[in-house]
């Protein structure tokens, strides 16, 4: 089936270069990527779900993990920093 998609110019250049490096056509590369994307379905559909990576843990200079913060806590800390308060240290 033939279709038209709009992708950013830089992404198109990278895809075209990858296809050339792999010695395949851009059509083959795009078909491969769409197929892989559809089989890496996180909701248990076809294929294996991609494993999730662990979230990074922020550690201050002391080396101890920071306490878990809520979104509201983070916004408050950022607001304090913008106001010159230095954050929630």
C-alpha atoms as a PDB file:
ATOM      1  CA  UNK A   1       0.000   0.000   0.000  1.00  0.00           C
ATOM      2  CA  UNK A   2       1.238   3.462  -0.807  1.00  0.00           C
ATOM      3  CA  UNK A   3       0.826   6.319   1.678  1.00  0.00           C
ATOM      4  CA  UNK A   4       2.307   9.716   2.480  1.00  0.00           C
ATOM      5  CA  UNK A   5       3.700  10.707   5.850  1.00  0.00           C
ATOM      6  CA  UNK A   6       5.293  13.938   7.046  1.00  0.00           C
ATOM      7  CA  UNK A   7       8.402  13.565   9.179  1.00  0.00           C
ATOM      8  CA  UNK A   8      10.974  16.165  10.195  1.00  0.00           C
ATOM      9  CA  UNK A   9      13.746  16.732   7.634  1.00  0.00           C
ATOM     10  CA  UNK A  10      16.502  15.667  10.038  1.00  0.00           C
ATOM     11  CA  UNK A  11      14.708  12.414  10.853  1.00  0.00           C
ATOM     12  CA  UNK A  12      14.258  11.731   7.142  1.00  0.00           C
ATOM     13  CA  UNK A  13      17.972  12.315   6.488  1.00  0.00           C
ATOM     14  CA  UNK A  14      18.926   9.967   9.315  1.00  0.00           C
ATOM     15  CA  UNK A  15      16.548   7.265   8.063  1.00  0.00           C
ATOM     16  CA  UNK A  16      17.838   7.596   4.513  1.00  0.00           C
ATOM     17  CA  UNK A  17      21.452   7.380   5.731  1.00  0.00           C
ATOM     18  CA  UNK A  18      20.657   4.314   7.868  1.00  0.00           C
ATOM     19  CA  UNK A  19      19.030   2.590   4.901  1.00  0.00           C
ATOM     20  CA  UNK A  20      22.109   3.299   2.768  1.00  0.00           C
ATOM     21  CA  UNK A  21      24.444   2.005   5.500  1.00  0.00           C
ATOM     22  CA  UNK A  22      22.330  -1.156   5.830  1.00  0.00           C
ATOM     23  CA  UNK A  23      22.279  -1.588   2.045  1.00  0.00           C
ATOM     24  CA  UNK A  24      18.486  -1.535   1.831  1.00  0.00           C
ATOM     25  CA  UNK A  25      15.903   0.815   0.386  1.00  0.00           C
ATOM     26  CA  UNK A  26      14.238   3.493   2.483  1.00  0.00           C
ATOM     27  CA  UNK A  27      10.954   1.610   1.942  1.00  0.00           C
ATOM     28  CA  UNK A  28      12.464  -1.574   3.416  1.00  0.00           C
ATOM     29  CA  UNK A  29      13.879   0.331   6.388  1.00  0.00           C
ATOM     30  CA  UNK A  30      10.584   2.066   7.151  1.00  0.00           C
ATOM     31  CA  UNK A  31       8.673  -1.215   6.817  1.00  0.00           C
ATOM     32  CA  UNK A  32      11.107  -2.880   9.222  1.00  0.00           C
ATOM     33  CA  UNK A  33      10.788  -0.076  11.773  1.00  0.00           C
ATOM     34  CA  UNK A  34       6.995   0.001  11.616  1.00  0.00           C
ATOM     35  CA  UNK A  35       6.847  -3.806  11.960  1.00  0.00           C
ATOM     36  CA  UNK A  36       9.241  -3.740  14.951  1.00  0.00           C
ATOM     37  CA  UNK A  37       7.321  -0.904  16.570  1.00  0.00           C
ATOM     38  CA  UNK A  38       4.048  -2.769  16.246  1.00  0.00           C
ATOM     39  CA  UNK A  39       5.454  -6.015  17.636  1.00  0.00           C
ATOM     40  CA  UNK A  40       7.008  -4.262  20.642  1.00  0.00           C
ATOM     41  CA  UNK A  41       3.585  -3.663  22.025  1.00  0.00           C
ATOM     42  CA  UNK A  42       3.558  -2.822  25.732  1.00  0.00           C
ATOM     43  CA  UNK A  43      -0.065  -3.891  26.252  1.00  0.00           C
ATOM     44  CA  UNK A  44       0.630  -7.572  25.685  1.00  0.00           C
ATOM     45  CA  UNK A  45      -0.232  -7.674  21.993  1.00  0.00           C
ATOM     46  CA  UNK A  46       1.951  -9.398  19.433  1.00  0.00           C
ATOM     47  CA  UNK A  47       5.566  -9.916  20.270  1.00  0.00           C
ATOM     48  CA  UNK A  48       7.557  -9.067  23.337  1.00  0.00           C
ATOM     49  CA  UNK A  49       6.997  -5.902  25.293  1.00  0.00           C
ATOM     50  CA  UNK A  50      10.055  -3.684  25.527  1.00  0.00           C
ATOM     51  CA  UNK A  51      11.532  -3.805  29.000  1.00  0.00           C
ATOM     52  CA  UNK A  52      11.275  -0.565  30.903  1.00  0.00           C
ATOM     53  CA  UNK A  53      14.435   0.928  32.240  1.00  0.00           C
ATOM     54  CA  UNK A  54      14.631   1.916  35.865  1.00  0.00           C
ATOM     55  CA  UNK A  55      14.256   5.593  36.624  1.00  0.00           C
ATOM     56  CA  UNK A  56      17.486   7.281  37.623  1.00  0.00           C
ATOM     57  CA  UNK A  57      17.986   7.991  41.303  1.00  0.00           C
ATOM     58  CA  UNK A  58      19.255  11.449  42.145  1.00  0.00           C
ATOM     59  CA  UNK A  59      21.938  11.455  44.807  1.00  0.00           C
ATOM     60  CA  UNK A  60      23.260  14.599  46.493  1.00  0.00           C
ATOM     61  CA  UNK A  61      26.956  15.026  47.252  1.00  0.00           C
ATOM     62  CA  UNK A  62      26.471  13.087  50.494  1.00  0.00           C
ATOM     63  CA  UNK A  63      25.836   9.924  48.443  1.00  0.00           C
ATOM     64  CA  UNK A  64      22.528   9.193  50.181  1.00  0.00           C
ATOM     65  CA  UNK A  65      19.398   8.858  48.003  1.00  0.00           C
ATOM     66  CA  UNK A  66      17.061  11.844  48.042  1.00  0.00           C
ATOM     67  CA  UNK A  67      13.590  11.471  49.515  1.00  0.00           C
ATOM     68  CA  UNK A  68      10.811  10.740  47.046  1.00  0.00           C
ATOM     69  CA  UNK A  69       9.215  13.975  45.859  1.00  0.00           C
ATOM     70  CA  UNK A  70       5.724  14.523  44.498  1.00  0.00           C
ATOM     71  CA  UNK A  71       5.082  16.692  41.466  1.00  0.00           C
ATOM     72  CA  UNK A  72       3.780  19.426  43.778  1.00  0.00           C
ATOM     73  CA  UNK A  73       6.998  19.231  45.837  1.00  0.00           C
ATOM     74  CA  UNK A  74       9.116  19.614  42.715  1.00  0.00           C
ATOM     75  CA  UNK A  75       7.090  22.612  41.510  1.00  0.00           C
ATOM     76  CA  UNK A  76       7.485  24.230  44.953  1.00  0.00           C
ATOM     77  CA  UNK A  77      11.258  23.648  44.876  1.00  0.00           C
ATOM     78  CA  UNK A  78      11.537  25.139  41.381  1.00  0.00           C
ATOM     79  CA  UNK A  79       9.383  28.127  42.379  1.00  0.00           C
ATOM     80  CA  UNK A  80      11.584  28.659  45.462  1.00  0.00           C
ATOM     81  CA  UNK A  81      14.728  28.553  43.322  1.00  0.00           C
ATOM     82  CA  UNK A  82      13.303  31.060  40.836  1.00  0.00           C
ATOM     83  CA  UNK A  83      12.398  33.349  43.719  1.00  0.00           C
ATOM     84  CA  UNK A  84      15.959  33.080  45.070  1.00  0.00           C
ATOM     85  CA  UNK A  85      15.057  30.848  47.997  1.00  0.00           C
ATOM     86  CA  UNK A  86      17.600  28.166  47.063  1.00  0.00           C
ATOM     87  CA  UNK A  87      15.238  25.183  47.055  1.00  0.00           C
ATOM     88  CA  UNK A  88      14.238  22.642  49.685  1.00  0.00           C
ATOM     89  CA  UNK A  89      17.653  21.723  51.104  1.00  0.00           C
END
